[in-house]
Amino acid sequence: FRQAPGKEREFVAASRWSGYNPVYGDSVKGRFTISRD
């Protein structure tokens, strides 16, 4: 998640345990990638 000054906390990206089919916030889709080791 992220929070800018004066703004509400915003969802960025999430991954379930398998890493399969991660979810992204609309403002970062196509630019950000979540991964896990």
PDB file of all heavy atoms in Angstrom:
ATOM      1  N   PHE A   1       0.867  -1.177   0.000  1.00  0.00           N
ATOM      2  CA  PHE A   1       0.000   0.000   0.000  1.00  0.00           C
ATOM      3  C   PHE A   1       0.900   1.221   0.000  1.00  0.00           C
ATOM      4  O   PHE A   1       2.095   1.142   0.272  1.00  0.00           O
ATOM      5  CB  PHE A   1      -0.898   0.000   1.241  1.00  0.00           C
ATOM      6  CG  PHE A   1      -1.946  -1.077   1.251  1.00  0.00           C
ATOM      7  CD1 PHE A   1      -1.634  -2.378   1.643  1.00  0.00           C
ATOM      8  CD2 PHE A   1      -3.248  -0.802   0.873  1.00  0.00           C
ATOM      9  CE1 PHE A   1      -2.596  -3.373   1.644  1.00  0.00           C
ATOM     10  CE2 PHE A   1      -4.221  -1.790   0.882  1.00  0.00           C
ATOM     11  CZ  PHE A   1      -3.895  -3.069   1.263  1.00  0.00           C
ATOM     12  N   ARG A   2       0.322   2.361  -0.276  1.00  0.00           N
ATOM     13  CA  ARG A   2       1.089   3.604  -0.219  1.00  0.00           C
ATOM     14  C   ARG A   2       0.225   4.726   0.301  1.00  0.00           C
ATOM     15  O   ARG A   2      -1.004   4.679   0.221  1.00  0.00           O
ATOM     16  CB  ARG A   2       1.665   3.954  -1.590  1.00  0.00           C
ATOM     17  CG  ARG A   2       0.630   4.340  -2.636  1.00  0.00           C
ATOM     18  CD  ARG A   2       1.302   4.523  -3.991  1.00  0.00           C
ATOM     19  NE  ARG A   2       0.352   4.971  -5.007  1.00  0.00           N
ATOM     20  CZ  ARG A   2       0.644   5.101  -6.302  1.00  0.00           C
ATOM     21  NH1 ARG A   2       1.882   4.816  -6.738  1.00  0.00           N
ATOM     22  NH2 ARG A   2      -0.266   5.509  -7.153  1.00  0.00           N
ATOM     23  N   GLN A   3       0.895   5.726   0.841  1.00  0.00           N
ATOM     24  CA  GLN A   3       0.180   6.901   1.335  1.00  0.00           C
ATOM     25  C   GLN A   3       1.006   8.145   1.064  1.00  0.00           C
ATOM     26  O   GLN A   3       2.158   8.253   1.511  1.00  0.00           O
ATOM     27  CB  GLN A   3      -0.124   6.780   2.830  1.00  0.00           C
ATOM     28  CG  GLN A   3      -1.039   7.865   3.346  1.00  0.00           C
ATOM     29  CD  GLN A   3      -1.637   7.538   4.695  1.00  0.00           C
ATOM     30  OE1 GLN A   3      -1.142   6.691   5.431  1.00  0.00           O
ATOM     31  NE2 GLN A   3      -2.723   8.202   5.032  1.00  0.00           N
ATOM     32  N   ALA A   4       0.408   9.057   0.322  1.00  0.00           N
ATOM     33  CA  ALA A   4       1.026  10.345   0.028  1.00  0.00           C
ATOM     34  C   ALA A   4       0.548  11.373   1.050  1.00  0.00           C
ATOM     35  O   ALA A   4      -0.528  11.210   1.638  1.00  0.00           O
ATOM     36  CB  ALA A   4       0.680  10.776  -1.380  1.00  0.00           C
ATOM     37  N   PRO A   5       1.313  12.442   1.258  1.00  0.00           N
ATOM     38  CA  PRO A   5       0.903  13.470   2.224  1.00  0.00           C
ATOM     39  C   PRO A   5      -0.478  14.028   1.903  1.00  0.00           C
ATOM     40  O   PRO A   5      -0.769  14.390   0.761  1.00  0.00           O
ATOM     41  CB  PRO A   5       1.985  14.535   2.057  1.00  0.00           C
ATOM     42  CG  PRO A   5       3.173  13.811   1.552  1.00  0.00           C
ATOM     43  CD  PRO A   5       2.635  12.731   0.671  1.00  0.00           C
ATOM     44  N   GLY A   6      -1.326  14.065   2.903  1.00  0.00           N
ATOM     45  CA  GLY A   6      -2.657  14.622   2.734  1.00  0.00           C
ATOM     46  C   GLY A   6      -3.644  13.728   2.012  1.00  0.00           C
ATOM     47  O   GLY A   6      -4.776  14.149   1.738  1.00  0.00           O
ATOM     48  N   LYS A   7      -3.222  12.490   1.714  1.00  0.00           N
ATOM     49  CA  LYS A   7      -4.102  11.578   0.981  1.00  0.00           C
ATOM     50  C   LYS A   7      -4.341  10.313   1.794  1.00  0.00           C
ATOM     51  O   LYS A   7      -3.591   9.984   2.704  1.00  0.00           O
ATOM     52  CB  LYS A   7      -3.500  11.225  -0.374  1.00  0.00           C
ATOM     53  CG  LYS A   7      -3.396  12.402  -1.321  1.00  0.00           C
ATOM     54  CD  LYS A   7      -2.964  11.947  -2.708  1.00  0.00           C
ATOM     55  CE  LYS A   7      -2.939  13.107  -3.682  1.00  0.00           C
ATOM     56  NZ  LYS A   7      -2.543  12.668  -5.054  1.00  0.00           N
ATOM     57  N   GLU A   8      -5.387   9.602   1.411  1.00  0.00           N
ATOM     58  CA  GLU A   8      -5.689   8.341   2.076  1.00  0.00           C
ATOM     59  C   GLU A   8      -4.748   7.239   1.592  1.00  0.00           C
ATOM     60  O   GLU A   8      -4.175   7.317   0.502  1.00  0.00           O
ATOM     61  CB  GLU A   8      -7.141   7.953   1.813  1.00  0.00           C
ATOM     62  CG  GLU A   8      -8.153   8.898   2.431  1.00  0.00           C
ATOM     63  CD  GLU A   8      -9.576   8.397   2.264  1.00  0.00           C
ATOM     64  OE1 GLU A   8      -9.786   7.392   1.561  1.00  0.00           O
ATOM     65  OE2 GLU A   8     -10.482   9.019   2.842  1.00  0.00           O
ATOM     66  N   ARG A   9      -4.652   6.219   2.412  1.00  0.00           N
ATOM     67  CA  ARG A   9      -3.847   5.069   2.026  1.00  0.00           C
ATOM     68  C   ARG A   9      -4.446   4.420   0.788  1.00  0.00           C
ATOM     69  O   ARG A   9      -5.654   4.261   0.675  1.00  0.00           O
ATOM     70  CB  ARG A   9      -3.792   4.068   3.178  1.00  0.00           C
ATOM     71  CG  ARG A   9      -2.938   2.841   2.941  1.00  0.00           C
ATOM     72  CD  ARG A   9      -2.784   2.074   4.233  1.00  0.00           C
ATOM     73  NE  ARG A   9      -4.040   1.902   4.928  1.00  0.00           N
ATOM     74  CZ  ARG A   9      -4.163   1.418   6.156  1.00  0.00           C
ATOM     75  NH1 ARG A   9      -3.072   1.060   6.832  1.00  0.00           N
ATOM     76  NH2 ARG A   9      -5.343   1.277   6.721  1.00  0.00           N
ATOM     77  N   GLU A  10      -3.591   4.030  -0.130  1.00  0.00           N
ATOM     78  CA  GLU A  10      -4.024   3.510  -1.423  1.00  0.00           C
ATOM     79  C   GLU A  10      -3.441   2.118  -1.646  1.00  0.00           C
ATOM     80  O   GLU A  10      -2.260   1.870  -1.399  1.00  0.00           O
ATOM     81  CB  GLU A  10      -3.547   4.440  -2.546  1.00  0.00           C
ATOM     82  CG  GLU A  10      -3.884   3.975  -3.951  1.00  0.00           C
ATOM     83  CD  GLU A  10      -3.254   4.845  -5.030  1.00  0.00           C
ATOM     84  OE1 GLU A  10      -2.392   5.679  -4.700  1.00  0.00           O
ATOM     85  OE2 GLU A  10      -3.623   4.677  -6.211  1.00  0.00           O
ATOM     86  N   PHE A  11      -4.271   1.232  -2.148  1.00  0.00           N
ATOM     87  CA  PHE A  11      -3.808  -0.114  -2.474  1.00  0.00           C
ATOM     88  C   PHE A  11      -2.929  -0.073  -3.726  1.00  0.00           C
ATOM     89  O   PHE A  11      -3.269   0.588  -4.715  1.00  0.00           O
ATOM     90  CB  PHE A  11      -5.008  -1.030  -2.717  1.00  0.00           C
ATOM     91  CG  PHE A  11      -4.648  -2.363  -3.314  1.00  0.00           C
ATOM     92  CD1 PHE A  11      -3.913  -3.288  -2.586  1.00  0.00           C
ATOM     93  CD2 PHE A  11      -5.038  -2.678  -4.604  1.00  0.00           C
ATOM     94  CE1 PHE A  11      -3.587  -4.509  -3.126  1.00  0.00           C
ATOM     95  CE2 PHE A  11      -4.713  -3.901  -5.159  1.00  0.00           C
ATOM     96  CZ  PHE A  11      -3.983  -4.814  -4.417  1.00  0.00           C
ATOM     97  N   VAL A  12      -1.809  -0.802  -3.670  1.00  0.00           N
ATOM     98  CA  VAL A  12      -0.892  -0.856  -4.803  1.00  0.00           C
ATOM     99  C   VAL A  12      -0.904  -2.239  -5.468  1.00  0.00           C
ATOM    100  O   VAL A  12      -1.166  -2.363  -6.656  1.00  0.00           O
ATOM    101  CB  VAL A  12       0.541  -0.496  -4.370  1.00  0.00           C
ATOM    102  CG1 VAL A  12       1.524  -0.647  -5.531  1.00  0.00           C
ATOM    103  CG2 VAL A  12       0.588   0.917  -3.805  1.00  0.00           C
ATOM    104  N   ALA A  13      -0.598  -3.273  -4.682  1.00  0.00           N
ATOM    105  CA  ALA A  13      -0.497  -4.617  -5.262  1.00  0.00           C
ATOM    106  C   ALA A  13      -0.566  -5.656  -4.142  1.00  0.00           C
ATOM    107  O   ALA A  13      -0.224  -5.355  -3.000  1.00  0.00           O
ATOM    108  CB  ALA A  13       0.804  -4.785  -6.030  1.00  0.00           C
ATOM    109  N   ALA A  14      -1.006  -6.873  -4.503  1.00  0.00           N
ATOM    110  CA  ALA A  14      -1.092  -7.947  -3.516  1.00  0.00           C
ATOM    111  C   ALA A  14      -0.914  -9.290  -4.187  1.00  0.00           C
ATOM    112  O   ALA A  14      -1.238  -9.469  -5.370  1.00  0.00           O
ATOM    113  CB  ALA A  14      -2.424  -7.901  -2.772  1.00  0.00           C
ATOM    114  N   SER A  15      -0.421 -10.219  -3.379  1.00  0.00           N
ATOM    115  CA  SER A  15      -0.169 -11.572  -3.865  1.00  0.00           C
ATOM    116  C   SER A  15      -0.618 -12.565  -2.802  1.00  0.00           C
ATOM    117  O   SER A  15      -0.245 -12.442  -1.639  1.00  0.00           O
ATOM    118  CB  SER A  15       1.329 -11.742  -4.141  1.00  0.00           C
ATOM    119  OG  SER A  15       1.660 -13.112  -4.310  1.00  0.00           O
ATOM    120  N   ARG A  16      -1.385 -13.555  -3.200  1.00  0.00           N
ATOM    121  CA  ARG A  16      -1.697 -14.655  -2.292  1.00  0.00           C
ATOM    122  C   ARG A  16      -0.487 -15.570  -2.189  1.00  0.00           C
ATOM    123  O   ARG A  16       0.524 -15.363  -2.866  1.00  0.00           O
ATOM    124  CB  ARG A  16      -2.923 -15.409  -2.775  1.00  0.00           C
ATOM    125  CG  ARG A  16      -4.181 -14.553  -2.780  1.00  0.00           C
ATOM    126  CD  ARG A  16      -5.390 -15.327  -3.218  1.00  0.00           C
ATOM    127  NE  ARG A  16      -5.802 -16.266  -2.178  1.00  0.00           N
ATOM    128  CZ  ARG A  16      -6.612 -17.287  -2.413  1.00  0.00           C
ATOM    129  NH1 ARG A  16      -7.072 -17.525  -3.625  1.00  0.00           N
ATOM    130  NH2 ARG A  16      -6.972 -18.082  -1.424  1.00  0.00           N
ATOM    131  N   TRP A  17      -0.599 -16.600  -1.369  1.00  0.00           N
ATOM    132  CA  TRP A  17       0.564 -17.422  -1.023  1.00  0.00           C
ATOM    133  C   TRP A  17       1.247 -18.018  -2.251  1.00  0.00           C
ATOM    134  O   TRP A  17       2.468 -18.147  -2.305  1.00  0.00           O
ATOM    135  CB  TRP A  17       0.147 -18.540  -0.075  1.00  0.00           C
ATOM    136  CG  TRP A  17      -0.775 -19.536  -0.705  1.00  0.00           C
ATOM    137  CD1 TRP A  17      -2.134 -19.486  -0.769  1.00  0.00           C
ATOM    138  CD2 TRP A  17      -0.390 -20.743  -1.390  1.00  0.00           C
ATOM    139  NE1 TRP A  17      -2.625 -20.568  -1.448  1.00  0.00           N
ATOM    140  CE2 TRP A  17      -1.584 -21.357  -1.835  1.00  0.00           C
ATOM    141  CE3 TRP A  17       0.825 -21.349  -1.655  1.00  0.00           C
ATOM    142  CZ2 TRP A  17      -1.572 -22.556  -2.536  1.00  0.00           C
ATOM    143  CZ3 TRP A  17       0.837 -22.547  -2.358  1.00  0.00           C
ATOM    144  CH2 TRP A  17      -0.359 -23.134  -2.794  1.00  0.00           C
ATOM    145  N   SER A  18       0.502 -18.346  -3.262  1.00  0.00           N
ATOM    146  CA  SER A  18       1.081 -19.010  -4.424  1.00  0.00           C
ATOM    147  C   SER A  18       1.783 -18.047  -5.372  1.00  0.00           C
ATOM    148  O   SER A  18       2.576 -18.455  -6.219  1.00  0.00           O
ATOM    149  CB  SER A  18      -0.019 -19.741  -5.199  1.00  0.00           C
ATOM    150  OG  SER A  18      -0.920 -18.799  -5.763  1.00  0.00           O
ATOM    151  N   GLY A  19       1.451 -16.752  -5.257  1.00  0.00           N
ATOM    152  CA  GLY A  19       1.976 -15.793  -6.203  1.00  0.00           C
ATOM    153  C   GLY A  19       1.203 -15.751  -7.512  1.00  0.00           C
ATOM    154  O   GLY A  19       1.464 -14.906  -8.368  1.00  0.00           O
ATOM    155  N   TYR A  20       0.237 -16.634  -7.625  1.00  0.00           N
ATOM    156  CA  TYR A  20      -0.543 -16.723  -8.866  1.00  0.00           C
ATOM    157  C   TYR A  20      -1.601 -15.630  -8.900  1.00  0.00           C
ATOM    158  O   TYR A  20      -2.243 -15.335  -7.911  1.00  0.00           O
ATOM    159  CB  TYR A  20      -1.217 -18.099  -8.954  1.00  0.00           C
ATOM    160  CG  TYR A  20      -2.146 -18.258 -10.126  1.00  0.00           C
ATOM    161  CD1 TYR A  20      -1.646 -18.413 -11.410  1.00  0.00           C
ATOM    162  CD2 TYR A  20      -3.536 -18.253  -9.953  1.00  0.00           C
ATOM    163  CE1 TYR A  20      -2.494 -18.553 -12.496  1.00  0.00           C
ATOM    164  CE2 TYR A  20      -4.393 -18.397 -11.026  1.00  0.00           C
ATOM    165  CZ  TYR A  20      -3.866 -18.547 -12.296  1.00  0.00           C
ATOM    166  OH  TYR A  20      -4.710 -18.691 -13.364  1.00  0.00           O
ATOM    167  N   ASN A  21      -1.793 -15.037 -10.080  1.00  0.00           N
ATOM    168  CA  ASN A  21      -2.844 -14.042 -10.307  1.00  0.00           C
ATOM    169  C   ASN A  21      -2.815 -12.895  -9.290  1.00  0.00           C
ATOM    170  O   ASN A  21      -3.791 -12.670  -8.567  1.00  0.00           O
ATOM    171  CB  ASN A  21      -4.218 -14.733 -10.273  1.00  0.00           C
ATOM    172  CG  ASN A  21      -5.305 -13.885 -10.912  1.00  0.00           C
ATOM    173  OD1 ASN A  21      -5.002 -12.954 -11.669  1.00  0.00           O
ATOM    174  ND2 ASN A  21      -6.543 -14.177 -10.588  1.00  0.00           N
ATOM    175  N   PRO A  22      -1.742 -12.146  -9.248  1.00  0.00           N
ATOM    176  CA  PRO A  22      -1.685 -11.009  -8.324  1.00  0.00           C
ATOM    177  C   PRO A  22      -2.684  -9.928  -8.718  1.00  0.00           C
ATOM    178  O   PRO A  22      -3.197  -9.902  -9.843  1.00  0.00           O
ATOM    179  CB  PRO A  22      -0.250 -10.513  -8.473  1.00  0.00           C
ATOM    180  CG  PRO A  22       0.157 -10.925  -9.843  1.00  0.00           C
ATOM    181  CD  PRO A  22      -0.534 -12.235 -10.092  1.00  0.00           C
ATOM    182  N   VAL A  23      -2.938  -9.048  -7.789  1.00  0.00           N
ATOM    183  CA  VAL A  23      -3.913  -7.973  -7.980  1.00  0.00           C
ATOM    184  C   VAL A  23      -3.194  -6.629  -7.890  1.00  0.00           C
ATOM    185  O   VAL A  23      -2.283  -6.466  -7.063  1.00  0.00           O
ATOM    186  CB  VAL A  23      -5.018  -8.051  -6.909  1.00  0.00           C
ATOM    187  CG1 VAL A  23      -6.014  -6.926  -7.088  1.00  0.00           C
ATOM    188  CG2 VAL A  23      -5.723  -9.399  -6.977  1.00  0.00           C
ATOM    189  N   TYR A  24      -3.631  -5.668  -8.712  1.00  0.00           N
ATOM    190  CA  TYR A  24      -3.000  -4.357  -8.753  1.00  0.00           C
ATOM    191  C   TYR A  24      -4.037  -3.246  -8.656  1.00  0.00           C
ATOM    192  O   TYR A  24      -5.170  -3.390  -9.130  1.00  0.00           O
ATOM    193  CB  TYR A  24      -2.203  -4.174 -10.043  1.00  0.00           C
ATOM    194  CG  TYR A  24      -1.041  -5.128 -10.164  1.00  0.00           C
ATOM    195  CD1 TYR A  24      -1.175  -6.337 -10.833  1.00  0.00           C
ATOM    196  CD2 TYR A  24       0.188  -4.824  -9.578  1.00  0.00           C
ATOM    197  CE1 TYR A  24      -0.118  -7.232 -10.918  1.00  0.00           C
ATOM    198  CE2 TYR A  24       1.256  -5.708  -9.665  1.00  0.00           C
ATOM    199  CZ  TYR A  24       1.099  -6.900 -10.338  1.00  0.00           C
ATOM    200  OH  TYR A  24       2.151  -7.774 -10.420  1.00  0.00           O
ATOM    201  N   GLY A  25      -3.613  -2.132  -8.063  1.00  0.00           N
ATOM    202  CA  GLY A  25      -4.445  -0.945  -8.097  1.00  0.00           C
ATOM    203  C   GLY A  25      -4.467  -0.373  -9.511  1.00  0.00           C
ATOM    204  O   GLY A  25      -3.514  -0.527 -10.265  1.00  0.00           O
ATOM    205  N   ASP A  26      -5.537   0.307  -9.834  1.00  0.00           N
ATOM    206  CA  ASP A  26      -5.714   0.808 -11.197  1.00  0.00           C
ATOM    207  C   ASP A  26      -4.601   1.760 -11.616  1.00  0.00           C
ATOM    208  O   ASP A  26      -4.189   1.770 -12.779  1.00  0.00           O
ATOM    209  CB  ASP A  26      -7.066   1.517 -11.316  1.00  0.00           C
ATOM    210  CG  ASP A  26      -8.235   0.557 -11.274  1.00  0.00           C
ATOM    211  OD1 ASP A  26      -8.022  -0.659 -11.501  1.00  0.00           O
ATOM    212  OD2 ASP A  26      -9.366   1.015 -11.003  1.00  0.00           O
ATOM    213  N   SER A  27      -4.102   2.545 -10.680  1.00  0.00           N
ATOM    214  CA  SER A  27      -3.120   3.567 -11.042  1.00  0.00           C
ATOM    215  C   SER A  27      -1.729   2.992 -11.334  1.00  0.00           C
ATOM    216  O   SER A  27      -0.877   3.707 -11.868  1.00  0.00           O
ATOM    217  CB  SER A  27      -3.011   4.599  -9.917  1.00  0.00           C
ATOM    218  OG  SER A  27      -2.571   3.987  -8.724  1.00  0.00           O
ATOM    219  N   VAL A  28      -1.493   1.720 -11.010  1.00  0.00           N
ATOM    220  CA  VAL A  28      -0.160   1.139 -11.216  1.00  0.00           C
ATOM    221  C   VAL A  28      -0.161  -0.036 -12.187  1.00  0.00           C
ATOM    222  O   VAL A  28       0.898  -0.581 -12.501  1.00  0.00           O
ATOM    223  CB  VAL A  28       0.472   0.693  -9.882  1.00  0.00           C
ATOM    224  CG1 VAL A  28       0.487   1.843  -8.882  1.00  0.00           C
ATOM    225  CG2 VAL A  28      -0.241  -0.527  -9.301  1.00  0.00           C
ATOM    226  N   LYS A  29      -1.318  -0.420 -12.661  1.00  0.00           N
ATOM    227  CA  LYS A  29      -1.396  -1.550 -13.586  1.00  0.00           C
ATOM    228  C   LYS A  29      -0.537  -1.314 -14.821  1.00  0.00           C
ATOM    229  O   LYS A  29      -0.548  -0.245 -15.403  1.00  0.00           O
ATOM    230  CB  LYS A  29      -2.843  -1.787 -14.004  1.00  0.00           C
ATOM    231  CG  LYS A  29      -3.690  -2.467 -12.962  1.00  0.00           C
ATOM    232  CD  LYS A  29      -5.125  -2.664 -13.449  1.00  0.00           C
ATOM    233  CE  LYS A  29      -5.975  -3.330 -12.382  1.00  0.00           C
ATOM    234  NZ  LYS A  29      -7.396  -3.459 -12.815  1.00  0.00           N
ATOM    235  N   GLY A  30       0.218  -2.340 -15.178  1.00  0.00           N
ATOM    236  CA  GLY A  30       1.078  -2.248 -16.345  1.00  0.00           C
ATOM    237  C   GLY A  30       2.437  -1.623 -16.074  1.00  0.00           C
ATOM    238  O   GLY A  30       3.321  -1.658 -16.927  1.00  0.00           O
ATOM    239  N   ARG A  31       2.613  -1.043 -14.879  1.00  0.00           N
ATOM    240  CA  ARG A  31       3.892  -0.403 -14.538  1.00  0.00           C
ATOM    241  C   ARG A  31       4.586  -1.084 -13.357  1.00  0.00           C
ATOM    242  O   ARG A  31       5.817  -1.121 -13.314  1.00  0.00           O
ATOM    243  CB  ARG A  31       3.662   1.071 -14.195  1.00  0.00           C
ATOM    244  CG  ARG A  31       3.058   1.880 -15.326  1.00  0.00           C
ATOM    245  CD  ARG A  31       3.027   3.368 -14.984  1.00  0.00           C
ATOM    246  NE  ARG A  31       2.198   3.650 -13.810  1.00  0.00           N
ATOM    247  CZ  ARG A  31       2.644   4.285 -12.725  1.00  0.00           C
ATOM    248  NH1 ARG A  31       3.908   4.676 -12.652  1.00  0.00           N
ATOM    249  NH2 ARG A  31       1.828   4.515 -11.704  1.00  0.00           N
ATOM    250  N   PHE A  32       3.805  -1.583 -12.431  1.00  0.00           N
ATOM    251  CA  PHE A  32       4.355  -2.212 -11.230  1.00  0.00           C
ATOM    252  C   PHE A  32       4.126  -3.720 -11.282  1.00  0.00           C
ATOM    253  O   PHE A  32       3.121  -4.188 -11.825  1.00  0.00           O
ATOM    254  CB  PHE A  32       3.676  -1.670  -9.971  1.00  0.00           C
ATOM    255  CG  PHE A  32       3.995  -0.240  -9.635  1.00  0.00           C
ATOM    256  CD1 PHE A  32       4.660   0.594 -10.521  1.00  0.00           C
ATOM    257  CD2 PHE A  32       3.628   0.277  -8.400  1.00  0.00           C
ATOM    258  CE1 PHE A  32       4.942   1.905 -10.204  1.00  0.00           C
ATOM    259  CE2 PHE A  32       3.909   1.594  -8.066  1.00  0.00           C
ATOM    260  CZ  PHE A  32       4.553   2.410  -8.974  1.00  0.00           C
ATOM    261  N   THR A  33       5.057  -4.456 -10.662  1.00  0.00           N
ATOM    262  CA  THR A  33       4.941  -5.906 -10.595  1.00  0.00           C
ATOM    263  C   THR A  33       5.293  -6.386  -9.189  1.00  0.00           C
ATOM    264  O   THR A  33       6.361  -6.044  -8.672  1.00  0.00           O
ATOM    265  CB  THR A  33       5.871  -6.594 -11.597  1.00  0.00           C
ATOM    266  OG1 THR A  33       5.579  -6.129 -12.927  1.00  0.00           O
ATOM    267  CG2 THR A  33       5.691  -8.105 -11.553  1.00  0.00           C
ATOM    268  N   ILE A  34       4.389  -7.165  -8.600  1.00  0.00           N
ATOM    269  CA  ILE A  34       4.662  -7.765  -7.293  1.00  0.00           C
ATOM    270  C   ILE A  34       5.152  -9.191  -7.513  1.00  0.00           C
ATOM    271  O   ILE A  34       4.653  -9.907  -8.387  1.00  0.00           O
ATOM    272  CB  ILE A  34       3.412  -7.729  -6.383  1.00  0.00           C
ATOM    273  CG1 ILE A  34       3.763  -8.206  -4.962  1.00  0.00           C
ATOM    274  CG2 ILE A  34       2.266  -8.542  -6.977  1.00  0.00           C
ATOM    275  CD1 ILE A  34       2.629  -7.993  -3.951  1.00  0.00           C
ATOM    276  N   SER A  35       6.131  -9.575  -6.727  1.00  0.00           N
ATOM    277  CA  SER A  35       6.628 -10.948  -6.788  1.00  0.00           C
ATOM    278  C   SER A  35       7.087 -11.355  -5.395  1.00  0.00           C
ATOM    279  O   SER A  35       7.223 -10.507  -4.514  1.00  0.00           O
ATOM    280  CB  SER A  35       7.779 -11.075  -7.798  1.00  0.00           C
ATOM    281  OG  SER A  35       8.870 -10.263  -7.411  1.00  0.00           O
ATOM    282  N   ARG A  36       7.311 -12.640  -5.222  1.00  0.00           N
ATOM    283  CA  ARG A  36       7.701 -13.108  -3.900  1.00  0.00           C
ATOM    284  C   ARG A  36       8.670 -14.262  -4.016  1.00  0.00           C
ATOM    285  O   ARG A  36       8.616 -15.042  -4.981  1.00  0.00           O
ATOM    286  CB  ARG A  36       6.481 -13.494  -3.073  1.00  0.00           C
ATOM    287  CG  ARG A  36       5.621 -14.577  -3.675  1.00  0.00           C
ATOM    288  CD  ARG A  36       4.274 -14.655  -2.951  1.00  0.00           C
ATOM    289  NE  ARG A  36       4.424 -15.090  -1.579  1.00  0.00           N
ATOM    290  CZ  ARG A  36       3.488 -14.920  -0.640  1.00  0.00           C
ATOM    291  NH1 ARG A  36       2.356 -14.302  -0.934  1.00  0.00           N
ATOM    292  NH2 ARG A  36       3.686 -15.351   0.595  1.00  0.00           N
ATOM    293  N   ASP A  37       9.548 -14.342  -3.039  1.00  0.00           N
ATOM    294  CA  ASP A  37      10.488 -15.460  -2.928  1.00  0.00           C
ATOM    295  C   ASP A  37      10.215 -16.100  -1.576  1.00  0.00           C
ATOM    296  O   ASP A  37      10.692 -15.602  -0.536  1.00  0.00           O
ATOM    297  CB  ASP A  37      11.922 -14.955  -3.038  1.00  0.00           C
ATOM    298  CG  ASP A  37      12.940 -16.080  -3.051  1.00  0.00           C
ATOM    299  OD1 ASP A  37      12.614 -17.188  -2.565  1.00  0.00           O
ATOM    300  OD2 ASP A  37      14.057 -15.867  -3.521  1.00  0.00           O
TER     301      ASP A  37
END
